[in-house]
Amino acid sequence: MNRKIILNLAISLDGYIASDDGGFDWIVGDGDSKLDTQNKWDYGKFLEGIDVVVMGKNCYDQSFHNDFKDKKIYIATSQNLQNHDNIHFINGDIVKIIEEERKNEGKDIFLFGGGGLVDSFIKADVIDEYIIGIIPTILGKGRPLFLGNNLHINLHLDEYITDSGVVILKYSKR
């Protein structure tokens, strides 16, 4: 079975993954369930299919790695930091290292964020699935998901879910 690299994150309607200060308290629905689909997003089930998480140093500094104690975690950083526990600091070509990791036996790989890290994977065109939750908020400014000058990548919509005003779109490469 081929391991997939899966980007799973939330964006504002205007394309930001975090506020300027890295905040994410705006990642909530609008509380209206009239348009909810019968199918719901099950984050726990998603995590059961993952054994590697990849994130940037800013996400690490915000302690997101603590949510994944039973997973192997790769942190992209420009610093030389010591690996510890399940944490592997990568100062170098993280895409190449994750592509090597993908060849090993295991479950799928969760591309968690942030923007600079995600951008390197988009530009290398190695993301197999994009699971994007669109939050019913216009932030106006912040940290964008897409940094520009990307390849042309055609996707296929595999699933959509609406839950309290949040639209979750699951795409695969075609």
Protein backbone atom coordinates (compact mmCIF):
# COMPACT_ATOMS: atom_id res chain seq x y z
CA MET A 1 0.00 0.00 0.00
CA ASN A 2 1.33 3.42 -0.95
CA ARG A 3 1.49 5.93 1.85
CA LYS A 4 -0.21 9.22 1.05
CA ILE A 5 0.88 12.71 2.01
CA ILE A 6 -2.29 14.45 3.16
CA LEU A 7 -2.62 18.18 3.75
CA ASN A 8 -5.40 18.78 6.27
CA LEU A 9 -6.03 22.29 7.53
CA ALA A 10 -8.55 25.08 7.88
CA ILE A 11 -8.54 28.33 5.94
CA SER A 12 -10.53 31.53 6.14
CA LEU A 13 -12.76 32.31 3.19
CA ASP A 14 -10.05 34.68 1.96
CA GLY A 15 -7.35 31.99 2.10
CA TYR A 16 -5.51 32.44 5.41
CA ILE A 17 -4.45 29.57 7.69
CA ALA A 18 -3.65 31.78 10.69
CA SER A 19 -3.93 35.39 11.75
CA ASP A 20 -0.82 37.59 11.55
CA ASP A 21 0.21 36.55 15.08
CA GLY A 22 -0.33 32.84 14.33
CA GLY A 23 -3.70 32.81 16.06
CA PHE A 24 -6.38 30.28 15.19
CA ASP A 25 -9.22 31.12 17.61
CA TRP A 26 -11.30 32.15 14.57
CA ILE A 27 -11.47 28.50 13.38
CA VAL A 28 -15.09 27.90 14.37
CA GLY A 29 -18.35 27.43 12.52
CA ASP A 30 -21.30 29.82 12.51
CA GLY A 31 -23.52 27.59 14.66
CA ASP A 32 -26.17 27.13 11.96
CA SER A 33 -26.83 23.46 11.15
CA LYS A 34 -29.53 23.95 8.45
CA LEU A 35 -27.14 23.03 5.63
CA ASP A 36 -25.24 20.27 7.47
CA THR A 37 -24.57 17.13 5.49
CA GLN A 38 -25.45 13.78 7.03
CA ASN A 39 -21.80 12.80 6.76
CA LYS A 40 -19.54 14.52 9.31
CA TRP A 41 -15.78 15.02 9.44
CA ASP A 42 -14.20 12.58 11.89
CA TYR A 43 -10.79 13.96 12.86
CA GLY A 44 -10.17 11.07 15.25
CA LYS A 45 -10.73 8.55 12.47
CA PHE A 46 -8.43 10.58 10.20
CA LEU A 47 -5.68 10.45 12.84
CA GLU A 48 -6.06 6.65 13.14
CA GLY A 49 -4.84 6.43 9.52
CA ILE A 50 -1.77 8.59 10.21
CA ASP A 51 1.54 7.68 11.83
CA VAL A 52 3.71 10.61 10.72
CA VAL A 53 3.01 14.32 11.24
CA VAL A 54 4.99 17.08 9.51
CA MET A 55 4.95 20.66 10.79
CA GLY A 56 6.98 23.83 10.77
CA LYS A 57 8.90 25.27 13.70
CA ASN A 58 6.19 27.89 14.43
CA CYS A 59 3.64 25.09 14.92
CA TYR A 60 6.12 23.30 17.18
CA ASP A 61 6.66 26.49 19.19
CA GLN A 62 2.87 26.67 19.67
CA SER A 63 3.05 23.13 21.16
CA PHE A 64 0.94 21.48 18.45
CA HIS A 65 3.31 18.50 18.58
CA ASN A 66 1.85 17.62 21.99
CA ASP A 67 -1.33 16.48 20.21
CA PHE A 68 0.59 13.68 18.47
CA LYS A 69 2.55 11.84 21.17
CA ASP A 70 1.90 8.46 19.49
CA LYS A 71 3.10 9.64 16.05
CA LYS A 72 6.51 10.24 14.51
CA ILE A 73 6.84 14.02 14.12
CA TYR A 74 9.09 15.86 11.68
CA ILE A 75 9.73 19.54 12.36
CA ALA A 76 11.10 21.75 9.58
CA THR A 77 13.55 24.27 11.02
CA SER A 78 16.50 26.38 9.99
CA GLN A 79 18.14 25.73 13.37
CA ASN A 80 20.26 22.78 14.44
CA LEU A 81 18.15 21.19 17.18
CA GLN A 82 18.50 17.85 18.94
CA ASN A 83 15.92 15.17 18.21
CA HIS A 84 14.07 13.91 21.27
CA ASP A 85 11.30 11.41 21.99
CA ASN A 86 9.19 11.17 18.81
CA ILE A 87 10.40 14.55 17.46
CA HIS A 88 12.78 14.76 14.50
CA PHE A 89 14.12 18.22 13.60
CA ILE A 90 14.97 18.64 9.93
CA ASN A 91 17.32 21.41 8.86
CA GLY A 92 17.42 20.84 5.12
CA ASP A 93 15.19 19.51 2.36
CA ILE A 94 12.17 18.33 4.34
CA VAL A 95 10.29 17.34 1.17
CA LYS A 96 13.08 14.94 0.18
CA ILE A 97 13.16 13.43 3.68
CA ILE A 98 9.39 12.93 3.77
CA GLU A 99 9.50 11.40 0.27
CA GLU A 100 12.05 8.90 1.67
CA GLU A 101 9.84 8.30 4.74
CA ARG A 102 6.90 7.62 2.41
CA LYS A 103 8.79 4.61 0.97
CA ASN A 104 8.85 2.91 4.40
CA GLU A 105 6.02 0.72 5.63
CA GLY A 106 3.42 2.61 7.60
CA LYS A 107 0.26 4.66 7.59
CA ASP A 108 -0.33 7.97 5.82
CA ILE A 109 1.58 11.20 6.46
CA PHE A 110 -0.23 14.26 7.84
CA LEU A 111 1.05 17.58 6.50
CA PHE A 112 -0.09 19.77 9.39
CA GLY A 113 1.30 23.23 8.55
CA GLY A 114 2.38 26.09 8.48
CA GLY A 115 2.43 28.04 5.30
CA GLY A 116 6.11 27.98 4.39
CA LEU A 117 6.35 24.25 4.97
CA VAL A 118 3.15 23.52 3.06
CA ASP A 119 4.35 25.73 0.19
CA SER A 120 7.45 23.58 -0.33
CA PHE A 121 5.26 20.45 -0.63
CA ILE A 122 2.83 22.17 -3.02
CA LYS A 123 5.68 23.36 -5.23
CA ALA A 124 7.15 19.83 -5.27
CA ASP A 125 3.68 18.49 -6.21
CA VAL A 126 3.90 15.58 -3.74
CA ILE A 127 0.62 16.11 -1.86
CA ASP A 128 -1.79 13.26 -2.60
CA GLU A 129 -4.87 14.63 -0.82
CA TYR A 130 -5.95 18.10 0.18
CA ILE A 131 -8.53 18.23 2.99
CA ILE A 132 -9.46 21.88 3.40
CA GLY A 133 -11.97 23.21 5.90
CA ILE A 134 -13.28 26.60 4.81
CA ILE A 135 -14.20 28.65 7.86
CA PRO A 136 -17.04 31.19 7.43
CA THR A 137 -14.76 34.12 8.28
CA ILE A 138 -12.93 36.74 6.25
CA LEU A 139 -9.74 37.51 8.16
CA GLY A 140 -8.57 40.34 5.91
CA LYS A 141 -4.92 39.58 6.61
CA GLY A 142 -2.82 36.79 8.04
CA ARG A 143 -0.69 33.88 6.95
CA PRO A 144 -1.83 32.65 3.52
CA LEU A 145 -2.13 29.01 2.49
CA PHE A 146 -0.87 29.62 -1.04
CA LEU A 147 2.27 31.73 -1.38
CA GLY A 148 2.08 32.09 -5.17
CA ASN A 149 4.07 30.88 -8.17
CA ASN A 150 2.68 27.36 -7.81
CA LEU A 151 2.50 24.63 -10.38
CA HIS A 152 -0.77 23.96 -12.17
CA ILE A 153 -2.22 21.00 -10.23
CA ASN A 154 -5.54 19.45 -11.25
CA LEU A 155 -7.60 17.99 -8.43
CA HIS A 156 -10.68 15.80 -8.11
CA LEU A 157 -13.35 16.55 -5.50
CA ASP A 158 -13.80 13.26 -3.61
CA GLU A 159 -16.04 14.41 -0.78
CA TYR A 160 -17.69 17.47 0.71
CA ILE A 161 -19.07 17.95 4.19
CA THR A 162 -20.86 20.91 5.72
CA ASP A 163 -20.99 21.27 9.49
CA SER A 164 -22.15 24.45 11.27
CA GLY A 165 -21.21 26.65 8.32
CA VAL A 166 -17.80 25.05 7.80
CA VAL A 167 -17.36 23.43 4.39
CA ILE A 168 -14.81 20.61 4.28
CA LEU A 169 -13.56 19.72 0.83
CA LYS A 170 -11.51 16.59 0.21
CA TYR A 171 -9.54 16.54 -3.03
CA SER A 172 -7.13 14.08 -4.58
CA LYS A 173 -4.72 14.62 -7.45
CA ARG A 174 -6.04 13.58 -10.84
